[in-house]
N, C-alpha and C. Protein backbone atom coordinates (compact mmCIF):
# COMPACT_ATOMS: atom_id res chain seq x y z
N UNK A 1 119.59 113.45 132.72
CA UNK A 1 120.62 114.44 132.51
C UNK A 1 120.24 115.30 131.30
N UNK A 2 120.21 116.60 131.50
CA UNK A 2 119.91 117.55 130.43
C UNK A 2 121.21 118.07 129.86
N UNK A 3 121.27 118.13 128.53
CA UNK A 3 122.46 118.65 127.86
C UNK A 3 122.23 120.10 127.48
N UNK A 4 123.28 120.88 127.59
CA UNK A 4 123.25 122.28 127.20
C UNK A 4 124.39 122.51 126.22
N UNK A 5 124.10 123.26 125.17
CA UNK A 5 125.11 123.57 124.17
C UNK A 5 125.35 125.08 124.21
N UNK A 6 126.60 125.48 124.33
CA UNK A 6 126.95 126.90 124.30
C UNK A 6 127.19 127.30 122.85
N UNK A 7 126.50 128.37 122.45
CA UNK A 7 126.57 128.82 121.06
C UNK A 7 127.09 130.25 121.03
N UNK A 8 128.14 130.47 120.25
CA UNK A 8 128.64 131.83 120.01
C UNK A 8 128.02 132.35 118.73
N UNK A 9 127.38 133.49 118.82
CA UNK A 9 126.77 134.11 117.65
C UNK A 9 127.56 135.35 117.27
N UNK A 10 127.63 135.62 116.00
CA UNK A 10 128.39 136.73 115.46
C UNK A 10 127.96 138.04 116.12
N UNK A 11 128.93 138.81 116.59
CA UNK A 11 128.65 140.11 117.17
C UNK A 11 128.33 140.08 118.65
N UNK A 12 128.36 138.93 119.27
CA UNK A 12 128.04 138.80 120.70
C UNK A 12 129.19 138.06 121.39
N UNK A 13 129.83 138.72 122.37
CA UNK A 13 131.01 138.11 122.99
C UNK A 13 130.70 136.93 123.90
N UNK A 14 129.54 136.93 124.51
CA UNK A 14 129.19 135.86 125.45
C UNK A 14 128.41 134.76 124.72
N UNK A 15 128.73 133.50 125.02
CA UNK A 15 127.96 132.40 124.41
C UNK A 15 126.57 132.28 125.04
N UNK A 16 125.64 131.75 124.28
CA UNK A 16 124.29 131.52 124.74
C UNK A 16 124.11 130.04 125.06
N UNK A 17 123.60 129.71 126.25
CA UNK A 17 123.33 128.30 126.57
C UNK A 17 121.99 127.88 125.97
N UNK A 18 122.01 126.90 125.09
CA UNK A 18 120.80 126.42 124.42
C UNK A 18 120.53 124.97 124.77
N UNK A 19 119.23 124.64 124.86
CA UNK A 19 118.85 123.23 124.95
C UNK A 19 119.27 122.56 123.64
N UNK A 20 119.43 121.26 123.67
CA UNK A 20 119.84 120.53 122.47
C UNK A 20 118.80 120.73 121.35
N UNK A 21 117.51 120.63 121.69
CA UNK A 21 116.47 120.81 120.67
C UNK A 21 116.47 122.23 120.12
N UNK A 22 116.73 123.22 120.98
CA UNK A 22 116.79 124.61 120.53
C UNK A 22 118.00 124.81 119.61
N UNK A 23 119.11 124.19 119.95
CA UNK A 23 120.30 124.27 119.10
C UNK A 23 120.03 123.66 117.73
N UNK A 24 119.38 122.49 117.72
CA UNK A 24 119.07 121.82 116.45
C UNK A 24 118.15 122.69 115.60
N UNK A 25 117.17 123.32 116.24
CA UNK A 25 116.22 124.19 115.51
C UNK A 25 116.96 125.38 114.91
N UNK A 26 117.83 126.02 115.69
CA UNK A 26 118.59 127.17 115.20
C UNK A 26 119.55 126.75 114.09
N UNK A 27 120.17 125.60 114.23
CA UNK A 27 121.09 125.11 113.20
C UNK A 27 120.35 124.83 111.90
N UNK A 28 119.14 124.24 111.98
CA UNK A 28 118.35 124.00 110.76
C UNK A 28 117.96 125.31 110.09
N UNK A 29 117.60 126.31 110.91
CA UNK A 29 117.21 127.62 110.38
C UNK A 29 118.39 128.26 109.65
N UNK A 30 119.55 128.27 110.28
CA UNK A 30 120.72 128.89 109.66
C UNK A 30 121.21 128.11 108.44
N UNK A 31 121.09 126.79 108.49
CA UNK A 31 121.47 125.97 107.33
C UNK A 31 120.53 126.22 106.15
N UNK A 32 119.24 126.36 106.44
CA UNK A 32 118.28 126.66 105.38
C UNK A 32 118.56 128.02 104.78
N UNK A 33 118.92 128.99 105.63
CA UNK A 33 119.25 130.33 105.13
C UNK A 33 120.50 130.27 104.25
N UNK A 34 121.49 129.50 104.68
CA UNK A 34 122.71 129.36 103.89
C UNK A 34 122.43 128.68 102.55
N UNK A 35 121.55 127.68 102.55
CA UNK A 35 121.20 127.00 101.31
C UNK A 35 120.47 127.94 100.36
N UNK A 36 119.60 128.80 100.89
CA UNK A 36 118.89 129.75 100.03
C UNK A 36 119.84 130.76 99.41
N UNK A 37 120.94 131.02 100.09
CA UNK A 37 121.89 132.04 99.62
C UNK A 37 123.07 131.43 98.89
N UNK A 38 122.97 130.19 98.44
CA UNK A 38 124.12 129.48 97.89
C UNK A 38 124.81 130.21 96.73
N UNK A 39 124.10 130.98 95.93
CA UNK A 39 124.69 131.68 94.79
C UNK A 39 124.94 133.16 95.07
N UNK A 40 124.52 133.65 96.21
CA UNK A 40 124.60 135.08 96.52
C UNK A 40 126.05 135.46 96.83
N UNK A 41 126.57 136.49 96.17
CA UNK A 41 127.95 136.89 96.45
C UNK A 41 128.12 137.49 97.86
N UNK A 42 127.06 137.96 98.46
CA UNK A 42 127.10 138.54 99.80
C UNK A 42 126.67 137.55 100.88
N UNK A 43 126.76 136.26 100.59
CA UNK A 43 126.27 135.23 101.49
C UNK A 43 126.88 135.34 102.88
N UNK A 44 128.19 135.49 102.98
CA UNK A 44 128.86 135.53 104.29
C UNK A 44 128.39 136.72 105.11
N UNK A 45 128.25 137.87 104.46
CA UNK A 45 127.80 139.07 105.16
C UNK A 45 126.34 138.93 105.63
N UNK A 46 125.51 138.38 104.79
CA UNK A 46 124.10 138.21 105.15
C UNK A 46 123.96 137.22 106.30
N UNK A 47 124.70 136.12 106.25
CA UNK A 47 124.63 135.13 107.33
C UNK A 47 125.16 135.72 108.64
N UNK A 48 126.21 136.54 108.57
CA UNK A 48 126.73 137.20 109.77
C UNK A 48 125.68 138.15 110.35
N UNK A 49 125.00 138.90 109.48
CA UNK A 49 123.93 139.79 109.94
C UNK A 49 122.78 139.01 110.56
N UNK A 50 122.46 137.87 109.96
CA UNK A 50 121.39 137.02 110.48
C UNK A 50 121.74 136.49 111.87
N UNK A 51 122.98 136.02 112.02
CA UNK A 51 123.43 135.55 113.34
C UNK A 51 123.40 136.68 114.36
N UNK A 52 123.83 137.85 113.95
CA UNK A 52 123.83 139.01 114.85
C UNK A 52 122.40 139.35 115.26
N UNK A 53 121.49 139.28 114.33
CA UNK A 53 120.09 139.57 114.63
C UNK A 53 119.51 138.54 115.60
N UNK A 54 119.83 137.26 115.40
CA UNK A 54 119.38 136.22 116.33
C UNK A 54 119.94 136.50 117.71
N UNK A 55 121.23 136.84 117.78
CA UNK A 55 121.86 137.15 119.06
C UNK A 55 121.22 138.35 119.73
N UNK A 56 120.92 139.40 118.97
CA UNK A 56 120.26 140.58 119.53
C UNK A 56 118.90 140.23 120.12
N UNK A 57 118.15 139.41 119.40
CA UNK A 57 116.82 139.03 119.89
C UNK A 57 116.92 138.14 121.13
N UNK A 58 117.91 137.24 121.15
CA UNK A 58 118.10 136.39 122.34
C UNK A 58 118.52 137.23 123.54
N UNK A 59 119.37 138.24 123.32
CA UNK A 59 119.81 139.10 124.41
C UNK A 59 118.66 139.93 124.96
N UNK A 60 117.66 140.22 124.12
CA UNK A 60 116.53 141.03 124.55
C UNK A 60 115.46 140.21 125.27
N UNK A 61 115.62 138.89 125.33
CA UNK A 61 114.63 138.07 126.03
C UNK A 61 114.62 138.40 127.52
N UNK A 62 113.44 138.36 128.15
CA UNK A 62 113.38 138.66 129.58
C UNK A 62 114.07 137.57 130.40
N UNK A 63 114.55 137.96 131.56
CA UNK A 63 115.21 137.02 132.45
C UNK A 63 116.70 137.27 132.50
N UNK A 64 117.41 136.48 133.30
CA UNK A 64 118.86 136.66 133.41
C UNK A 64 119.57 136.37 132.08
N UNK A 65 120.71 137.00 131.89
CA UNK A 65 121.41 136.85 130.62
C UNK A 65 122.00 135.46 130.42
N UNK A 66 122.19 134.70 131.51
CA UNK A 66 122.76 133.37 131.38
C UNK A 66 121.72 132.25 131.47
N UNK A 67 120.46 132.61 131.27
CA UNK A 67 119.40 131.60 131.37
C UNK A 67 119.44 130.66 130.17
N UNK A 68 118.90 129.46 130.34
CA UNK A 68 118.87 128.45 129.30
C UNK A 68 117.84 128.84 128.23
N UNK A 69 118.27 128.88 126.98
CA UNK A 69 117.40 129.23 125.85
C UNK A 69 116.67 127.97 125.42
N UNK A 70 115.33 128.05 125.36
CA UNK A 70 114.50 126.89 125.02
C UNK A 70 114.12 126.92 123.55
N UNK A 71 113.51 125.85 123.11
CA UNK A 71 113.02 125.76 121.74
C UNK A 71 111.96 126.82 121.47
N UNK A 72 111.11 127.07 122.47
CA UNK A 72 110.07 128.09 122.31
C UNK A 72 110.71 129.47 122.11
N UNK A 73 111.81 129.74 122.82
CA UNK A 73 112.51 131.02 122.65
C UNK A 73 113.05 131.13 121.23
N UNK A 74 113.68 130.06 120.74
CA UNK A 74 114.25 130.07 119.38
C UNK A 74 113.14 130.23 118.35
N UNK A 75 112.03 129.51 118.54
CA UNK A 75 110.91 129.63 117.60
C UNK A 75 110.37 131.06 117.57
N UNK A 76 110.27 131.70 118.73
CA UNK A 76 109.82 133.10 118.79
C UNK A 76 110.76 134.03 118.06
N UNK A 77 112.06 133.82 118.22
CA UNK A 77 113.06 134.66 117.56
C UNK A 77 112.99 134.45 116.05
N UNK A 78 112.88 133.20 115.62
CA UNK A 78 112.81 132.90 114.19
C UNK A 78 111.53 133.48 113.58
N UNK A 79 110.43 133.44 114.32
CA UNK A 79 109.19 134.04 113.82
C UNK A 79 109.35 135.55 113.66
N UNK A 80 110.07 136.19 114.59
CA UNK A 80 110.29 137.64 114.48
C UNK A 80 111.16 137.99 113.28
N UNK A 81 112.19 137.20 113.06
CA UNK A 81 113.12 137.49 111.97
C UNK A 81 112.53 137.08 110.62
N UNK A 82 111.91 135.93 110.57
CA UNK A 82 111.33 135.43 109.33
C UNK A 82 112.35 134.65 108.52
N UNK A 83 111.92 134.17 107.36
CA UNK A 83 112.80 133.38 106.51
C UNK A 83 113.64 134.30 105.62
N UNK A 84 114.71 133.78 105.14
CA UNK A 84 115.57 134.53 104.23
C UNK A 84 114.94 134.47 102.85
N UNK A 85 114.62 135.64 102.30
CA UNK A 85 113.98 135.70 100.99
C UNK A 85 114.98 136.28 100.00
N UNK A 86 115.34 135.49 99.02
CA UNK A 86 116.30 135.93 98.01
C UNK A 86 115.61 136.51 96.78
N UNK A 87 114.30 136.43 96.75
CA UNK A 87 113.57 136.93 95.60
C UNK A 87 113.47 135.93 94.46
N UNK A 88 113.97 134.73 94.68
CA UNK A 88 113.86 133.68 93.66
C UNK A 88 113.46 132.38 94.35
N UNK A 89 112.99 131.44 93.57
CA UNK A 89 112.53 130.17 94.13
C UNK A 89 113.72 129.38 94.67
N UNK A 90 113.47 128.58 95.72
CA UNK A 90 114.57 127.77 96.26
C UNK A 90 114.98 126.68 95.28
N UNK A 91 116.22 126.25 95.40
CA UNK A 91 116.70 125.15 94.58
C UNK A 91 115.96 123.88 94.99
N UNK A 92 115.83 122.89 94.09
CA UNK A 92 115.07 121.68 94.41
C UNK A 92 115.56 120.97 95.67
N UNK A 93 116.88 120.95 95.91
CA UNK A 93 117.37 120.27 97.11
C UNK A 93 116.95 120.99 98.38
N UNK A 94 116.71 122.31 98.30
CA UNK A 94 116.25 123.06 99.46
C UNK A 94 114.81 122.69 99.79
N UNK A 95 113.99 122.55 98.80
CA UNK A 95 112.59 122.24 99.04
C UNK A 95 112.46 120.88 99.72
N UNK A 96 113.28 119.93 99.31
CA UNK A 96 113.18 118.59 99.86
C UNK A 96 113.70 118.48 101.28
N UNK A 97 114.57 119.39 101.74
CA UNK A 97 115.17 119.25 103.05
C UNK A 97 114.33 119.83 104.16
N UNK A 98 113.47 120.76 103.88
CA UNK A 98 112.70 121.40 104.94
C UNK A 98 111.55 120.53 105.42
N UNK A 99 111.23 120.64 106.72
CA UNK A 99 110.13 119.85 107.26
C UNK A 99 108.79 120.42 106.78
N UNK A 100 108.81 121.65 106.29
CA UNK A 100 107.59 122.28 105.80
C UNK A 100 107.37 122.00 104.33
N UNK A 101 108.28 121.29 103.72
CA UNK A 101 108.21 121.03 102.29
C UNK A 101 106.98 120.21 101.95
N UNK A 102 106.40 120.53 100.84
CA UNK A 102 105.22 119.80 100.37
C UNK A 102 105.60 119.14 99.06
N UNK A 103 105.21 117.91 98.92
CA UNK A 103 105.48 117.18 97.70
C UNK A 103 104.36 117.48 96.72
N UNK A 104 104.72 118.05 95.57
CA UNK A 104 103.71 118.40 94.58
C UNK A 104 103.46 117.20 93.68
N UNK A 105 102.17 116.91 93.46
CA UNK A 105 101.79 115.83 92.57
C UNK A 105 100.74 116.37 91.61
N UNK A 106 100.85 115.96 90.37
CA UNK A 106 99.88 116.37 89.36
C UNK A 106 98.65 115.49 89.47
N UNK A 107 97.51 116.12 89.70
CA UNK A 107 96.24 115.40 89.88
C UNK A 107 95.11 116.20 89.24
N UNK A 108 93.99 115.52 88.97
CA UNK A 108 92.77 116.21 88.58
C UNK A 108 92.07 116.65 89.87
N UNK A 109 91.52 117.85 89.87
CA UNK A 109 90.85 118.37 91.06
C UNK A 109 89.39 118.64 90.73
N UNK A 110 88.49 118.00 91.44
CA UNK A 110 87.06 118.14 91.17
C UNK A 110 86.51 119.50 91.59
N UNK A 111 87.00 120.04 92.69
CA UNK A 111 86.46 121.31 93.20
C UNK A 111 86.73 122.42 92.19
N UNK A 112 85.68 123.02 91.65
CA UNK A 112 85.81 124.11 90.70
C UNK A 112 86.07 123.67 89.27
N UNK A 113 85.90 122.40 88.98
CA UNK A 113 86.20 121.91 87.63
C UNK A 113 85.16 122.41 86.63
N UNK A 114 85.59 122.60 85.40
CA UNK A 114 84.67 122.95 84.31
C UNK A 114 84.32 121.71 83.51
N UNK A 115 85.33 120.91 83.15
CA UNK A 115 85.07 119.69 82.38
C UNK A 115 85.52 118.48 83.19
N UNK A 116 86.83 118.30 83.31
CA UNK A 116 87.32 117.10 84.01
C UNK A 116 88.24 117.44 85.18
N UNK A 117 88.56 118.71 85.40
CA UNK A 117 89.42 119.09 86.50
C UNK A 117 90.91 119.06 86.19
N UNK A 118 91.26 118.81 84.94
CA UNK A 118 92.67 118.75 84.54
C UNK A 118 93.32 120.13 84.71
N UNK A 119 92.67 121.16 84.24
CA UNK A 119 93.23 122.51 84.33
C UNK A 119 93.39 122.94 85.79
N UNK A 120 92.42 122.57 86.65
CA UNK A 120 92.55 122.87 88.08
C UNK A 120 93.78 122.19 88.66
N UNK A 121 94.01 120.95 88.28
CA UNK A 121 95.17 120.22 88.77
C UNK A 121 96.48 120.83 88.30
N UNK A 122 96.53 121.20 87.03
CA UNK A 122 97.75 121.83 86.49
C UNK A 122 97.98 123.18 87.16
N UNK A 123 96.91 123.93 87.39
CA UNK A 123 97.05 125.23 88.05
C UNK A 123 97.55 125.08 89.48
N UNK A 124 97.03 124.09 90.21
CA UNK A 124 97.49 123.86 91.58
C UNK A 124 98.94 123.38 91.59
N UNK A 125 99.29 122.54 90.65
CA UNK A 125 100.65 122.00 90.56
C UNK A 125 101.67 123.10 90.25
N UNK A 126 101.33 123.95 89.29
CA UNK A 126 102.27 124.98 88.85
C UNK A 126 102.10 126.29 89.59
N UNK A 127 101.09 126.38 90.45
CA UNK A 127 100.81 127.56 91.27
C UNK A 127 100.57 128.81 90.42
N UNK A 128 99.77 128.63 89.36
CA UNK A 128 99.32 129.77 88.58
C UNK A 128 97.80 129.73 88.53
N UNK A 129 97.19 130.80 88.07
CA UNK A 129 95.73 130.89 88.06
C UNK A 129 95.15 129.93 87.03
N UNK A 130 94.00 129.34 87.40
CA UNK A 130 93.38 128.33 86.55
C UNK A 130 92.88 128.93 85.24
N UNK A 131 92.47 130.19 85.24
CA UNK A 131 91.97 130.77 83.98
C UNK A 131 93.10 130.89 82.96
N UNK A 132 94.34 131.08 83.38
CA UNK A 132 95.46 131.11 82.45
C UNK A 132 95.70 129.72 81.85
N UNK A 133 95.57 128.69 82.67
CA UNK A 133 95.76 127.33 82.17
C UNK A 133 94.68 126.98 81.17
N UNK A 134 93.43 127.33 81.49
CA UNK A 134 92.32 127.06 80.57
C UNK A 134 92.51 127.80 79.25
N UNK A 135 92.92 129.06 79.33
CA UNK A 135 93.17 129.84 78.12
C UNK A 135 94.27 129.21 77.28
N UNK A 136 95.33 128.77 77.95
CA UNK A 136 96.43 128.11 77.23
C UNK A 136 95.93 126.87 76.51
N UNK A 137 95.13 126.03 77.20
CA UNK A 137 94.65 124.80 76.57
C UNK A 137 93.76 125.10 75.36
N UNK A 138 92.90 126.10 75.47
CA UNK A 138 92.02 126.44 74.35
C UNK A 138 92.85 126.94 73.17
N UNK A 139 93.77 127.88 73.43
CA UNK A 139 94.58 128.43 72.34
C UNK A 139 95.51 127.38 71.75
N UNK A 140 96.09 126.54 72.61
CA UNK A 140 96.99 125.49 72.11
C UNK A 140 96.21 124.47 71.29
N UNK A 141 94.98 124.16 71.69
CA UNK A 141 94.17 123.22 70.92
C UNK A 141 93.81 123.80 69.56
N UNK A 142 93.47 125.08 69.53
CA UNK A 142 93.16 125.72 68.25
C UNK A 142 94.41 125.81 67.37
N UNK A 143 95.55 126.11 67.97
CA UNK A 143 96.79 126.28 67.21
C UNK A 143 97.40 124.98 66.73
N UNK A 144 97.05 123.86 67.35
CA UNK A 144 97.63 122.57 66.95
C UNK A 144 96.59 121.64 66.35
N UNK A 145 95.52 122.19 65.88
CA UNK A 145 94.45 121.42 65.24
C UNK A 145 93.90 120.32 66.15
N UNK A 146 93.79 120.62 67.44
CA UNK A 146 93.13 119.69 68.36
C UNK A 146 94.05 118.74 69.10
N UNK A 147 95.35 118.81 68.86
CA UNK A 147 96.26 117.87 69.54
C UNK A 147 96.24 118.10 71.05
N UNK A 148 96.22 119.36 71.48
CA UNK A 148 96.17 119.61 72.92
C UNK A 148 94.82 119.20 73.52
N UNK A 149 93.79 119.19 72.71
CA UNK A 149 92.51 118.64 73.17
C UNK A 149 92.63 117.16 73.47
N UNK A 150 93.36 116.44 72.63
CA UNK A 150 93.62 115.02 72.87
C UNK A 150 94.50 114.82 74.11
N UNK A 151 95.46 115.71 74.31
CA UNK A 151 96.31 115.64 75.51
C UNK A 151 95.44 115.83 76.75
N UNK A 152 94.50 116.78 76.69
CA UNK A 152 93.59 117.02 77.80
C UNK A 152 92.77 115.76 78.12
N UNK A 153 92.22 115.14 77.07
CA UNK A 153 91.42 113.93 77.27
C UNK A 153 92.27 112.81 77.85
N UNK A 154 93.49 112.66 77.36
CA UNK A 154 94.38 111.63 77.90
C UNK A 154 94.69 111.90 79.37
N UNK A 155 94.95 113.15 79.71
CA UNK A 155 95.22 113.49 81.11
C UNK A 155 93.99 113.23 81.98
N UNK A 156 92.80 113.46 81.41
CA UNK A 156 91.57 113.21 82.17
C UNK A 156 91.43 111.73 82.51
N UNK A 157 91.93 110.86 81.65
CA UNK A 157 91.85 109.43 81.92
C UNK A 157 92.97 108.94 82.84
N UNK A 158 94.17 109.50 82.71
CA UNK A 158 95.32 108.94 83.41
C UNK A 158 95.66 109.59 84.75
N UNK A 159 95.27 110.83 84.95
CA UNK A 159 95.61 111.50 86.22
C UNK A 159 94.69 111.02 87.34
N UNK A 160 95.24 110.81 88.54
CA UNK A 160 94.39 110.46 89.68
C UNK A 160 93.52 111.66 90.07
N UNK A 161 92.38 111.36 90.70
CA UNK A 161 91.40 112.39 91.03
C UNK A 161 91.40 112.64 92.54
N UNK A 162 91.33 113.94 92.93
CA UNK A 162 91.13 114.33 94.32
C UNK A 162 89.97 115.31 94.34
N UNK A 163 89.34 115.43 95.51
CA UNK A 163 88.19 116.34 95.61
C UNK A 163 88.60 117.80 95.67
N UNK A 164 89.67 118.10 96.38
CA UNK A 164 90.12 119.49 96.47
C UNK A 164 91.65 119.52 96.55
N UNK A 165 92.27 120.67 96.27
CA UNK A 165 93.73 120.72 96.28
C UNK A 165 94.28 120.50 97.68
N UNK A 166 95.48 119.93 97.72
CA UNK A 166 96.16 119.74 99.01
C UNK A 166 96.64 121.09 99.49
N UNK A 167 96.54 121.32 100.81
CA UNK A 167 97.02 122.57 101.36
C UNK A 167 98.41 122.35 101.92
N UNK A 168 99.23 123.40 101.84
CA UNK A 168 100.61 123.31 102.31
C UNK A 168 100.69 123.31 103.81
């Protein structure tokens, strides 16, 4: 037995019949968009526009208007619309909820290392350029009479080593 869920989207009078998996995918997408907009004063308007856009794209799909919407259809619509970009980084709870989320870990990275790979690891962890991290360590070591040099050496001993950075 196949289940079908009827979904009413903002701005569209007729409900769309979705597969259960397609409904779950659309619900996760809209929930993620709502979470990204948690502080936005125009959140309700933006979410209504997003629902309207999803409905417009579903209505434009080829075939009869009452056909069953599949997960592939929803994925295609979401790819066309894209993610909601607020111009700021997501809150920590948002990063942890997505299936695309990557767990960041501080490690030494051998690929491209100059001394021990600590700066490469910090750069990969913080997502900034490695030359800025190296410059910071040199200037901080000079400014603190070598204390940051000792921190670097300690990190070289205690951080786990990987050959290359993890890809998202």
